[in-house]
Amino acid sequence: METAKNFMNTSDFISQRQFDEHIKLYQGYVGKVNEITGDLASFQGRASANATYSEYRGLKKGETYALDGVIFHELYFPLLGNTQTEPGPDTKAIFDSQFRGYDNWKADFKACGISARGWALLIYEQRTGTYRNILLDLHNEGLVCGGFPLIIMDVYEHAYFIDYGTDKSTYIDRFIGSLRWDLVERKISGIKK
């Protein structure tokens, strides 16, 4: 059984109201994961599974959507910082080698966020040992298999609309400007080991 984690609003760019509404959505995903898990445990119609339409297919699609919704939010909320900090040395080295510097990474990450309907991520792609900015329009569509998320930015409207309206660009700038680089650096250091 999934349990919603307790997150506090540690950001200086998201209001408490915006944060609280976002937490309600996250808690809803946790509830749906539990509901779907229970439904699948007692499901008797596997013999009628079908790729075009079946109740089983609907449950399995809902399972990945809700579960990824939980996971991405649990990776996103801790990254919300409240101070202007700099990327650490390992992170800077990745930006230099993979993106030709921090400014190029930032421009590309922001473009991913503007273009995405759901999420923008910096991932470590384990197969090639490279780092990529990717976008996802849905929780369960677009993630690179084996991609390890380092930076996770929610760009669904629910993440910023109360505070920023349609100004997604400013939300993205504020997210990047207040990012918890210490947490990103810790993940990258773990990859290097």
N, C-alpha and C. Protein backbone atom coordinates (compact mmCIF):
# COMPACT_ATOMS: atom_id res chain seq x y z
N MET A 1 0.84 -1.18 0.00
CA MET A 1 0.00 0.00 0.00
C MET A 1 0.88 1.24 0.00
N GLU A 2 0.61 2.14 -0.94
CA GLU A 2 1.32 3.41 -1.04
C GLU A 2 0.83 4.36 0.05
N THR A 3 1.74 5.14 0.59
CA THR A 3 1.40 6.17 1.56
C THR A 3 1.96 7.50 1.07
N ALA A 4 1.16 8.54 1.11
CA ALA A 4 1.63 9.86 0.69
C ALA A 4 2.69 10.36 1.66
N LYS A 5 3.78 10.86 1.14
CA LYS A 5 4.83 11.44 1.96
C LYS A 5 4.42 12.85 2.36
N ASN A 6 4.97 13.30 3.46
CA ASN A 6 4.70 14.67 3.93
C ASN A 6 5.77 15.59 3.37
N PHE A 7 5.35 16.54 2.57
CA PHE A 7 6.27 17.52 2.01
C PHE A 7 5.91 18.89 2.56
N MET A 8 6.93 19.71 2.76
CA MET A 8 6.72 21.09 3.19
C MET A 8 7.13 22.01 2.06
N ASN A 9 6.48 23.14 1.99
CA ASN A 9 6.82 24.13 0.98
C ASN A 9 8.08 24.86 1.42
N THR A 10 9.20 24.50 0.82
CA THR A 10 10.48 25.13 1.15
C THR A 10 10.89 26.15 0.09
N SER A 11 9.99 26.42 -0.86
CA SER A 11 10.34 27.32 -1.94
C SER A 11 10.02 28.77 -1.60
N ASP A 12 10.69 29.67 -2.30
CA ASP A 12 10.40 31.09 -2.16
C ASP A 12 9.67 31.62 -3.38
N PHE A 13 9.26 30.75 -4.29
CA PHE A 13 8.61 31.20 -5.52
C PHE A 13 7.25 30.55 -5.75
N ILE A 14 6.82 29.71 -4.82
CA ILE A 14 5.50 29.08 -4.90
C ILE A 14 4.75 29.42 -3.60
N SER A 15 3.56 29.98 -3.74
CA SER A 15 2.77 30.34 -2.56
C SER A 15 2.31 29.08 -1.83
N GLN A 16 1.94 29.26 -0.58
CA GLN A 16 1.44 28.12 0.20
C GLN A 16 0.16 27.57 -0.43
N ARG A 17 -0.70 28.43 -0.93
CA ARG A 17 -1.94 27.97 -1.56
C ARG A 17 -1.62 27.11 -2.79
N GLN A 18 -0.71 27.58 -3.65
CA GLN A 18 -0.31 26.81 -4.84
C GLN A 18 0.23 25.45 -4.41
N PHE A 19 1.11 25.46 -3.41
CA PHE A 19 1.72 24.23 -2.93
C PHE A 19 0.66 23.28 -2.37
N ASP A 20 -0.24 23.79 -1.54
CA ASP A 20 -1.27 22.94 -0.93
C ASP A 20 -2.17 22.29 -1.98
N GLU A 21 -2.54 23.04 -3.00
CA GLU A 21 -3.37 22.47 -4.07
C GLU A 21 -2.60 21.39 -4.82
N HIS A 22 -1.33 21.61 -5.00
CA HIS A 22 -0.49 20.62 -5.68
C HIS A 22 -0.38 19.34 -4.85
N ILE A 23 -0.23 19.49 -3.56
CA ILE A 23 -0.16 18.32 -2.66
C ILE A 23 -1.45 17.52 -2.73
N LYS A 24 -2.60 18.18 -2.80
CA LYS A 24 -3.88 17.46 -2.93
C LYS A 24 -3.89 16.58 -4.17
N LEU A 25 -3.38 17.11 -5.26
CA LEU A 25 -3.31 16.33 -6.50
C LEU A 25 -2.40 15.12 -6.32
N TYR A 26 -1.22 15.32 -5.74
CA TYR A 26 -0.29 14.23 -5.45
C TYR A 26 -0.96 13.16 -4.58
N GLN A 27 -1.66 13.58 -3.53
CA GLN A 27 -2.34 12.62 -2.67
C GLN A 27 -3.40 11.84 -3.43
N GLY A 28 -4.04 12.48 -4.41
CA GLY A 28 -5.01 11.80 -5.26
C GLY A 28 -4.36 10.69 -6.07
N TYR A 29 -3.14 10.94 -6.58
CA TYR A 29 -2.42 9.89 -7.31
C TYR A 29 -2.10 8.72 -6.40
N VAL A 30 -1.68 9.01 -5.18
CA VAL A 30 -1.40 7.94 -4.22
C VAL A 30 -2.65 7.10 -3.99
N GLY A 31 -3.79 7.76 -3.80
CA GLY A 31 -5.04 7.04 -3.61
C GLY A 31 -5.40 6.17 -4.80
N LYS A 32 -5.19 6.69 -6.00
CA LYS A 32 -5.51 5.91 -7.21
C LYS A 32 -4.58 4.72 -7.38
N VAL A 33 -3.30 4.87 -7.03
CA VAL A 33 -2.39 3.72 -7.08
C VAL A 33 -2.92 2.61 -6.18
N ASN A 34 -3.34 2.97 -4.97
CA ASN A 34 -3.86 1.97 -4.05
C ASN A 34 -5.16 1.35 -4.57
N GLU A 35 -6.03 2.16 -5.12
CA GLU A 35 -7.29 1.65 -5.66
C GLU A 35 -7.03 0.68 -6.82
N ILE A 36 -6.18 1.07 -7.75
CA ILE A 36 -5.87 0.21 -8.90
C ILE A 36 -5.17 -1.07 -8.46
N THR A 37 -4.25 -0.95 -7.52
CA THR A 37 -3.56 -2.14 -7.01
C THR A 37 -4.56 -3.13 -6.42
N GLY A 38 -5.51 -2.62 -5.65
CA GLY A 38 -6.55 -3.48 -5.09
C GLY A 38 -7.43 -4.10 -6.17
N ASP A 39 -7.81 -3.30 -7.16
CA ASP A 39 -8.63 -3.82 -8.25
C ASP A 39 -7.89 -4.91 -9.03
N LEU A 40 -6.61 -4.71 -9.28
CA LEU A 40 -5.84 -5.72 -10.01
C LEU A 40 -5.67 -7.00 -9.19
N ALA A 41 -5.53 -6.87 -7.88
CA ALA A 41 -5.35 -8.05 -7.04
C ALA A 41 -6.58 -8.96 -7.08
N SER A 42 -7.75 -8.38 -7.24
CA SER A 42 -8.97 -9.18 -7.23
C SER A 42 -9.58 -9.34 -8.62
N PHE A 43 -8.87 -8.88 -9.64
CA PHE A 43 -9.43 -8.88 -10.99
C PHE A 43 -9.57 -10.30 -11.54
N GLN A 44 -10.73 -10.60 -12.08
CA GLN A 44 -11.01 -11.94 -12.61
C GLN A 44 -11.08 -11.99 -14.13
N GLY A 45 -10.94 -10.87 -14.84
CA GLY A 45 -11.18 -10.84 -16.27
C GLY A 45 -9.95 -10.84 -17.15
N ARG A 46 -8.84 -11.42 -16.69
CA ARG A 46 -7.62 -11.40 -17.50
C ARG A 46 -7.79 -12.14 -18.83
N ALA A 47 -8.65 -13.11 -18.88
CA ALA A 47 -8.86 -13.88 -20.11
C ALA A 47 -9.47 -13.01 -21.21
N SER A 48 -10.11 -11.92 -20.85
CA SER A 48 -10.71 -11.04 -21.87
C SER A 48 -9.84 -9.82 -22.16
N ALA A 49 -8.58 -9.85 -21.75
CA ALA A 49 -7.66 -8.75 -22.03
C ALA A 49 -7.54 -8.54 -23.53
N ASN A 50 -7.48 -7.29 -23.94
CA ASN A 50 -7.46 -6.96 -25.35
C ASN A 50 -6.68 -5.66 -25.55
N ALA A 51 -5.91 -5.58 -26.65
CA ALA A 51 -5.09 -4.39 -26.90
C ALA A 51 -5.91 -3.18 -27.36
N THR A 52 -7.09 -3.42 -27.94
CA THR A 52 -7.92 -2.30 -28.38
C THR A 52 -8.70 -1.72 -27.22
N TYR A 53 -9.39 -2.59 -26.49
CA TYR A 53 -10.10 -2.15 -25.30
C TYR A 53 -10.39 -3.36 -24.43
N SER A 54 -10.09 -3.20 -23.16
CA SER A 54 -10.52 -4.17 -22.15
C SER A 54 -10.37 -3.50 -20.79
N GLU A 55 -11.10 -4.01 -19.84
CA GLU A 55 -11.01 -3.47 -18.49
C GLU A 55 -9.60 -3.64 -17.94
N TYR A 56 -8.99 -4.78 -18.24
CA TYR A 56 -7.62 -5.04 -17.76
C TYR A 56 -6.65 -4.00 -18.34
N ARG A 57 -6.76 -3.73 -19.65
CA ARG A 57 -5.91 -2.72 -20.28
C ARG A 57 -6.08 -1.36 -19.60
N GLY A 58 -7.30 -0.98 -19.32
CA GLY A 58 -7.56 0.28 -18.66
C GLY A 58 -6.91 0.36 -17.28
N LEU A 59 -6.98 -0.73 -16.53
CA LEU A 59 -6.34 -0.76 -15.22
C LEU A 59 -4.81 -0.64 -15.33
N LYS A 60 -4.23 -1.35 -16.29
CA LYS A 60 -2.77 -1.31 -16.43
C LYS A 60 -2.29 0.05 -16.92
N LYS A 61 -3.02 0.70 -17.83
CA LYS A 61 -2.66 2.05 -18.27
C LYS A 61 -2.81 3.04 -17.10
N GLY A 62 -3.88 2.90 -16.35
CA GLY A 62 -4.08 3.77 -15.19
C GLY A 62 -3.02 3.55 -14.13
N GLU A 63 -2.56 2.32 -13.99
CA GLU A 63 -1.54 1.99 -13.00
C GLU A 63 -0.24 2.75 -13.28
N THR A 64 0.24 2.73 -14.52
CA THR A 64 1.50 3.43 -14.82
C THR A 64 1.32 4.94 -14.75
N TYR A 65 0.16 5.44 -15.17
CA TYR A 65 -0.08 6.88 -15.10
C TYR A 65 -0.07 7.36 -13.65
N ALA A 66 -0.81 6.68 -12.80
CA ALA A 66 -0.90 7.10 -11.40
C ALA A 66 0.42 6.88 -10.66
N LEU A 67 1.07 5.74 -10.90
CA LEU A 67 2.32 5.45 -10.19
C LEU A 67 3.43 6.42 -10.61
N ASP A 68 3.55 6.70 -11.91
CA ASP A 68 4.53 7.70 -12.34
C ASP A 68 4.18 9.09 -11.79
N GLY A 69 2.88 9.38 -11.68
CA GLY A 69 2.47 10.65 -11.07
C GLY A 69 2.96 10.76 -9.63
N VAL A 70 2.88 9.68 -8.89
CA VAL A 70 3.40 9.66 -7.51
C VAL A 70 4.91 9.85 -7.51
N ILE A 71 5.60 9.03 -8.30
CA ILE A 71 7.07 9.05 -8.29
C ILE A 71 7.61 10.41 -8.72
N PHE A 72 7.11 10.96 -9.82
CA PHE A 72 7.62 12.25 -10.29
C PHE A 72 7.39 13.34 -9.26
N HIS A 73 6.23 13.36 -8.62
CA HIS A 73 5.99 14.38 -7.60
C HIS A 73 6.93 14.19 -6.41
N GLU A 74 7.21 12.96 -6.04
CA GLU A 74 8.12 12.72 -4.91
C GLU A 74 9.56 13.11 -5.25
N LEU A 75 9.90 13.15 -6.52
CA LEU A 75 11.22 13.63 -6.94
C LEU A 75 11.23 15.14 -7.13
N TYR A 76 10.09 15.72 -7.47
CA TYR A 76 9.97 17.16 -7.75
C TYR A 76 9.95 18.00 -6.48
N PHE A 77 9.09 17.67 -5.52
CA PHE A 77 8.90 18.53 -4.35
C PHE A 77 10.20 18.83 -3.59
N PRO A 78 11.08 17.85 -3.36
CA PRO A 78 12.31 18.18 -2.62
C PRO A 78 13.25 19.15 -3.35
N LEU A 79 13.12 19.27 -4.66
CA LEU A 79 14.00 20.16 -5.43
C LEU A 79 13.61 21.63 -5.32
N LEU A 80 12.46 21.92 -4.74
CA LEU A 80 11.99 23.30 -4.63
C LEU A 80 12.77 24.03 -3.55
N GLY A 81 13.68 24.89 -3.95
CA GLY A 81 14.55 25.59 -3.01
C GLY A 81 14.07 26.99 -2.73
N ASN A 82 14.88 27.71 -1.97
CA ASN A 82 14.51 29.07 -1.61
C ASN A 82 15.70 30.03 -1.59
N THR A 83 16.77 29.63 -2.21
CA THR A 83 17.91 30.54 -2.29
C THR A 83 18.54 30.39 -3.67
N GLN A 84 19.24 31.43 -4.06
CA GLN A 84 19.99 31.38 -5.31
C GLN A 84 21.29 30.63 -5.03
N THR A 85 21.41 29.44 -5.58
CA THR A 85 22.62 28.65 -5.39
C THR A 85 23.21 28.31 -6.75
N GLU A 86 24.37 27.75 -6.73
CA GLU A 86 25.09 27.39 -7.95
C GLU A 86 25.17 25.86 -8.05
N PRO A 87 25.21 25.34 -9.26
CA PRO A 87 25.46 23.91 -9.42
C PRO A 87 26.81 23.54 -8.82
N GLY A 88 26.90 22.32 -8.29
CA GLY A 88 28.16 21.84 -7.73
C GLY A 88 29.16 21.48 -8.81
N PRO A 89 30.38 21.11 -8.42
CA PRO A 89 31.45 20.85 -9.40
C PRO A 89 31.15 19.69 -10.35
N ASP A 90 30.54 18.61 -9.85
CA ASP A 90 30.22 17.48 -10.73
C ASP A 90 29.12 17.87 -11.72
N THR A 91 28.15 18.64 -11.25
CA THR A 91 27.07 19.10 -12.12
C THR A 91 27.62 20.05 -13.17
N LYS A 92 28.47 20.98 -12.77
CA LYS A 92 29.08 21.91 -13.72
C LYS A 92 29.88 21.15 -14.79
N ALA A 93 30.60 20.12 -14.36
CA ALA A 93 31.39 19.34 -15.31
C ALA A 93 30.49 18.68 -16.35
N ILE A 94 29.33 18.19 -15.94
CA ILE A 94 28.37 17.59 -16.88
C ILE A 94 27.84 18.65 -17.83
N PHE A 95 27.48 19.80 -17.31
CA PHE A 95 26.98 20.87 -18.16
C PHE A 95 28.04 21.28 -19.19
N ASP A 96 29.30 21.33 -18.75
CA ASP A 96 30.38 21.71 -19.67
C ASP A 96 30.60 20.64 -20.75
N SER A 97 30.64 19.38 -20.35
CA SER A 97 30.97 18.31 -21.30
C SER A 97 29.79 17.90 -22.19
N GLN A 98 28.58 17.97 -21.66
CA GLN A 98 27.42 17.46 -22.40
C GLN A 98 26.60 18.55 -23.08
N PHE A 99 26.67 19.78 -22.54
CA PHE A 99 25.81 20.86 -23.06
C PHE A 99 26.60 22.11 -23.47
N ARG A 100 27.93 22.05 -23.39
CA ARG A 100 28.79 23.21 -23.67
C ARG A 100 28.52 24.35 -22.69
N GLY A 101 28.27 24.00 -21.42
CA GLY A 101 28.15 25.00 -20.37
C GLY A 101 26.76 25.12 -19.77
N TYR A 102 26.73 25.74 -18.59
CA TYR A 102 25.48 25.91 -17.84
C TYR A 102 24.43 26.69 -18.63
N ASP A 103 24.82 27.77 -19.25
CA ASP A 103 23.85 28.60 -19.98
C ASP A 103 23.17 27.82 -21.10
N ASN A 104 23.93 26.99 -21.82
CA ASN A 104 23.33 26.16 -22.87
C ASN A 104 22.41 25.11 -22.29
N TRP A 105 22.82 24.49 -21.17
CA TRP A 105 21.93 23.52 -20.52
C TRP A 105 20.63 24.21 -20.12
N LYS A 106 20.77 25.36 -19.47
CA LYS A 106 19.58 26.08 -18.98
C LYS A 106 18.65 26.45 -20.12
N ALA A 107 19.19 26.95 -21.23
CA ALA A 107 18.36 27.32 -22.38
C ALA A 107 17.62 26.09 -22.92
N ASP A 108 18.31 24.97 -22.99
CA ASP A 108 17.69 23.75 -23.50
C ASP A 108 16.65 23.21 -22.53
N PHE A 109 16.95 23.24 -21.24
CA PHE A 109 16.01 22.75 -20.23
C PHE A 109 14.75 23.61 -20.22
N LYS A 110 14.94 24.92 -20.32
CA LYS A 110 13.79 25.82 -20.36
C LYS A 110 12.95 25.56 -21.62
N ALA A 111 13.61 25.36 -22.75
CA ALA A 111 12.87 25.05 -23.98
C ALA A 111 12.08 23.75 -23.83
N CYS A 112 12.66 22.75 -23.16
CA CYS A 112 11.92 21.51 -22.87
C CYS A 112 10.68 21.82 -22.04
N GLY A 113 10.85 22.62 -21.00
CA GLY A 113 9.74 22.97 -20.13
C GLY A 113 8.65 23.73 -20.84
N ILE A 114 9.03 24.67 -21.67
CA ILE A 114 8.05 25.44 -22.43
C ILE A 114 7.29 24.52 -23.40
N SER A 115 8.01 23.57 -24.00
CA SER A 115 7.43 22.68 -25.01
C SER A 115 6.61 21.55 -24.41
N ALA A 116 6.88 21.19 -23.18
CA ALA A 116 6.23 20.03 -22.55
C ALA A 116 4.84 20.38 -22.04
N ARG A 117 4.00 19.39 -22.02
CA ARG A 117 2.67 19.52 -21.43
C ARG A 117 2.63 18.94 -20.02
N GLY A 118 3.70 18.27 -19.61
CA GLY A 118 3.69 17.60 -18.32
C GLY A 118 4.94 17.79 -17.49
N TRP A 119 6.08 17.34 -17.99
CA TRP A 119 7.32 17.32 -17.21
C TRP A 119 8.51 17.65 -18.10
N ALA A 120 9.53 18.27 -17.51
CA ALA A 120 10.85 18.41 -18.12
C ALA A 120 11.84 17.79 -17.16
N LEU A 121 12.74 16.96 -17.68
CA LEU A 121 13.68 16.25 -16.85
C LEU A 121 15.08 16.33 -17.42
N LEU A 122 16.06 16.43 -16.53
CA LEU A 122 17.44 16.12 -16.87
C LEU A 122 17.65 14.70 -16.40
N ILE A 123 18.04 13.83 -17.33
CA ILE A 123 18.25 12.43 -16.97
C ILE A 123 19.68 12.00 -17.28
N TYR A 124 20.11 10.97 -16.57
CA TYR A 124 21.33 10.24 -16.92
C TYR A 124 20.87 9.02 -17.70
N GLU A 125 21.30 8.92 -18.96
CA GLU A 125 20.90 7.81 -19.81
C GLU A 125 21.97 6.73 -19.68
N GLN A 126 21.63 5.68 -18.92
CA GLN A 126 22.60 4.68 -18.49
C GLN A 126 23.21 3.88 -19.65
N ARG A 127 22.46 3.68 -20.70
CA ARG A 127 22.94 2.86 -21.81
C ARG A 127 24.18 3.49 -22.46
N THR A 128 24.15 4.80 -22.65
CA THR A 128 25.26 5.49 -23.31
C THR A 128 26.14 6.29 -22.35
N GLY A 129 25.71 6.42 -21.11
CA GLY A 129 26.46 7.21 -20.14
C GLY A 129 26.39 8.70 -20.42
N THR A 130 25.30 9.15 -21.05
CA THR A 130 25.15 10.57 -21.37
C THR A 130 24.02 11.18 -20.55
N TYR A 131 23.96 12.49 -20.58
CA TYR A 131 22.94 13.25 -19.87
C TYR A 131 22.09 13.96 -20.91
N ARG A 132 20.77 13.93 -20.72
CA ARG A 132 19.85 14.52 -21.68
C ARG A 132 18.73 15.25 -20.96
N ASN A 133 18.30 16.35 -21.56
CA ASN A 133 17.05 16.98 -21.16
C ASN A 133 15.96 16.34 -22.01
N ILE A 134 14.90 15.89 -21.37
CA ILE A 134 13.79 15.29 -22.09
C ILE A 134 12.49 15.91 -21.61
N LEU A 135 11.44 15.74 -22.43
CA LEU A 135 10.12 16.22 -22.01
C LEU A 135 9.12 15.08 -22.08
N LEU A 136 8.14 15.17 -21.21
CA LEU A 136 7.05 14.21 -21.18
C LEU A 136 5.74 14.98 -21.22
N ASP A 137 4.84 14.55 -22.07
CA ASP A 137 3.51 15.17 -22.10
C ASP A 137 2.57 14.51 -21.11
N LEU A 138 2.84 13.28 -20.75
CA LEU A 138 2.06 12.54 -19.75
C LEU A 138 3.03 11.86 -18.80
N HIS A 139 2.54 11.50 -17.62
CA HIS A 139 3.41 10.82 -16.65
C HIS A 139 4.01 9.56 -17.25
N ASN A 140 3.24 8.84 -18.03
CA ASN A 140 3.65 7.51 -18.49
C ASN A 140 3.95 7.45 -19.98
N GLU A 141 4.30 8.58 -20.58
CA GLU A 141 4.68 8.59 -21.99
C GLU A 141 5.86 9.52 -22.20
N GLY A 142 6.95 8.99 -22.71
CA GLY A 142 8.11 9.80 -23.06
C GLY A 142 9.34 9.55 -22.22
N LEU A 143 9.22 8.82 -21.14
CA LEU A 143 10.39 8.56 -20.30
C LEU A 143 11.30 7.57 -21.02
N VAL A 144 12.59 7.86 -21.02
CA VAL A 144 13.57 7.00 -21.64
C VAL A 144 13.83 5.81 -20.72
N CYS A 145 13.67 4.61 -21.25
CA CYS A 145 13.89 3.41 -20.45
C CYS A 145 15.34 3.40 -19.94
N GLY A 146 15.51 3.24 -18.65
CA GLY A 146 16.84 3.26 -18.05
C GLY A 146 17.34 4.67 -17.77
N GLY A 147 16.53 5.68 -18.04
CA GLY A 147 16.93 7.05 -17.75
C GLY A 147 16.74 7.34 -16.27
N PHE A 148 17.79 7.82 -15.62
CA PHE A 148 17.75 8.12 -14.20
C PHE A 148 17.51 9.62 -14.02
N PRO A 149 16.35 10.01 -13.44
CA PRO A 149 16.02 11.44 -13.32
C PRO A 149 16.89 12.17 -12.29
N LEU A 150 17.48 13.28 -12.71
CA LEU A 150 18.30 14.11 -11.83
C LEU A 150 17.58 15.40 -11.45
N ILE A 151 16.97 16.03 -12.44
CA ILE A 151 16.16 17.23 -12.20
C ILE A 151 14.78 16.94 -12.79
N ILE A 152 13.76 17.17 -11.99
CA ILE A 152 12.39 16.90 -12.39
C ILE A 152 11.60 18.18 -12.18
N MET A 153 11.07 18.73 -13.27
CA MET A 153 10.29 19.95 -13.17
C MET A 153 8.87 19.69 -13.69
N ASP A 154 7.90 19.93 -12.84
CA ASP A 154 6.49 19.78 -13.20
C ASP A 154 6.08 21.02 -13.99
N VAL A 155 5.61 20.82 -15.22
CA VAL A 155 5.14 21.95 -16.01
C VAL A 155 3.67 21.79 -16.42
N TYR A 156 2.97 20.83 -15.80
CA TYR A 156 1.52 20.82 -15.93
C TYR A 156 1.02 22.14 -15.34
N GLU A 157 -0.09 22.66 -15.84
CA GLU A 157 -0.59 23.94 -15.35
C GLU A 157 -0.84 23.95 -13.85
N HIS A 158 -1.22 22.81 -13.28
CA HIS A 158 -1.50 22.77 -11.84
C HIS A 158 -0.29 23.14 -10.99
N ALA A 159 0.92 23.04 -11.55
CA ALA A 159 2.13 23.33 -10.80
C ALA A 159 2.38 24.82 -10.60
N TYR A 160 1.79 25.64 -11.45
CA TYR A 160 2.13 27.07 -11.40
C TYR A 160 0.97 28.03 -11.63
N PHE A 161 -0.19 27.57 -12.07
CA PHE A 161 -1.23 28.46 -12.57
C PHE A 161 -1.80 29.42 -11.52
N ILE A 162 -1.92 28.99 -10.28
CA ILE A 162 -2.45 29.88 -9.24
C ILE A 162 -1.53 31.08 -9.05
N ASP A 163 -0.22 30.84 -9.07
CA ASP A 163 0.74 31.93 -8.83
C ASP A 163 1.15 32.67 -10.10
N TYR A 164 1.23 31.98 -11.22
CA TYR A 164 1.81 32.57 -12.42
C TYR A 164 0.85 32.70 -13.60
N GLY A 165 -0.37 32.21 -13.45
CA GLY A 165 -1.31 32.26 -14.56
C GLY A 165 -0.74 31.53 -15.77
N THR A 166 -0.75 32.19 -16.91
CA THR A 166 -0.22 31.57 -18.12
C THR A 166 1.27 31.84 -18.33
N ASP A 167 1.92 32.46 -17.36
CA ASP A 167 3.33 32.83 -17.49
C ASP A 167 4.24 31.66 -17.08
N LYS A 168 4.22 30.62 -17.88
CA LYS A 168 5.02 29.44 -17.64
C LYS A 168 6.52 29.76 -17.64
N SER A 169 6.93 30.69 -18.49
CA SER A 169 8.34 31.04 -18.62
C SER A 169 8.92 31.56 -17.29
N THR A 170 8.19 32.43 -16.62
CA THR A 170 8.69 32.96 -15.34
C THR A 170 8.74 31.86 -14.29
N TYR A 171 7.73 31.00 -14.25
CA TYR A 171 7.75 29.86 -13.32
C TYR A 171 9.02 29.02 -13.55
N ILE A 172 9.33 28.73 -14.81
CA ILE A 172 10.51 27.92 -15.12
C ILE A 172 11.79 28.63 -14.68
N ASP A 173 11.89 29.92 -14.96
CA ASP A 173 13.07 30.68 -14.52
C ASP A 173 13.22 30.64 -13.00
N ARG A 174 12.11 30.80 -12.30
CA ARG A 174 12.16 30.79 -10.82
C ARG A 174 12.49 29.40 -10.30
N PHE A 175 11.96 28.36 -10.95
CA PHE A 175 12.30 26.99 -10.55
C PHE A 175 13.80 26.76 -10.68
N ILE A 176 14.35 27.07 -11.84
CA ILE A 176 15.78 26.86 -12.07
C ILE A 176 16.60 27.73 -11.12
N GLY A 177 16.18 28.97 -10.90
CA GLY A 177 16.92 29.87 -10.03
C GLY A 177 16.93 29.46 -8.58
N SER A 178 15.95 28.69 -8.15
CA SER A 178 15.86 28.28 -6.74
C SER A 178 16.07 26.77 -6.56
N LEU A 179 16.58 26.12 -7.58
CA LEU A 179 16.77 24.67 -7.55
C LEU A 179 17.72 24.24 -6.44
N ARG A 180 17.39 23.13 -5.80
CA ARG A 180 18.27 22.54 -4.77
C ARG A 180 19.41 21.80 -5.44
N TRP A 181 20.45 22.56 -5.83
CA TRP A 181 21.58 21.98 -6.55
C TRP A 181 22.32 20.96 -5.70
N ASP A 182 22.25 21.09 -4.37
CA ASP A 182 22.93 20.11 -3.51
C ASP A 182 22.35 18.72 -3.71
N LEU A 183 21.03 18.62 -3.92
CA LEU A 183 20.40 17.31 -4.15
C LEU A 183 20.78 16.75 -5.53
N VAL A 184 20.86 17.63 -6.52
CA VAL A 184 21.28 17.20 -7.85
C VAL A 184 22.73 16.70 -7.80
N GLU A 185 23.58 17.44 -7.14
CA GLU A 185 25.00 17.07 -7.02
C GLU A 185 25.14 15.71 -6.33
N ARG A 186 24.34 15.46 -5.32
CA ARG A 186 24.40 14.19 -4.60
C ARG A 186 24.05 13.02 -5.54
N LYS A 187 23.03 13.23 -6.38
CA LYS A 187 22.64 12.17 -7.33
C LYS A 187 23.77 11.93 -8.34
N ILE A 188 24.36 12.99 -8.85
CA ILE A 188 25.42 12.85 -9.85
C ILE A 188 26.65 12.19 -9.23
N SER A 189 26.97 12.55 -8.00
CA SER A 189 28.10 11.92 -7.32
C SER A 189 27.86 10.42 -7.15
N GLY A 190 26.59 10.05 -6.89
CA GLY A 190 26.25 8.63 -6.78
C GLY A 190 26.43 7.90 -8.10
N ILE A 191 26.12 8.55 -9.21
CA ILE A 191 26.30 7.94 -10.53
C ILE A 191 27.77 7.71 -10.81
N LYS A 192 28.61 8.66 -10.42
CA LYS A 192 30.04 8.57 -10.69
C LYS A 192 30.70 7.43 -9.94
N LYS A 193 30.10 7.00 -8.84
CA LYS A 193 30.67 5.89 -8.06
C LYS A 193 30.44 4.65 -8.83
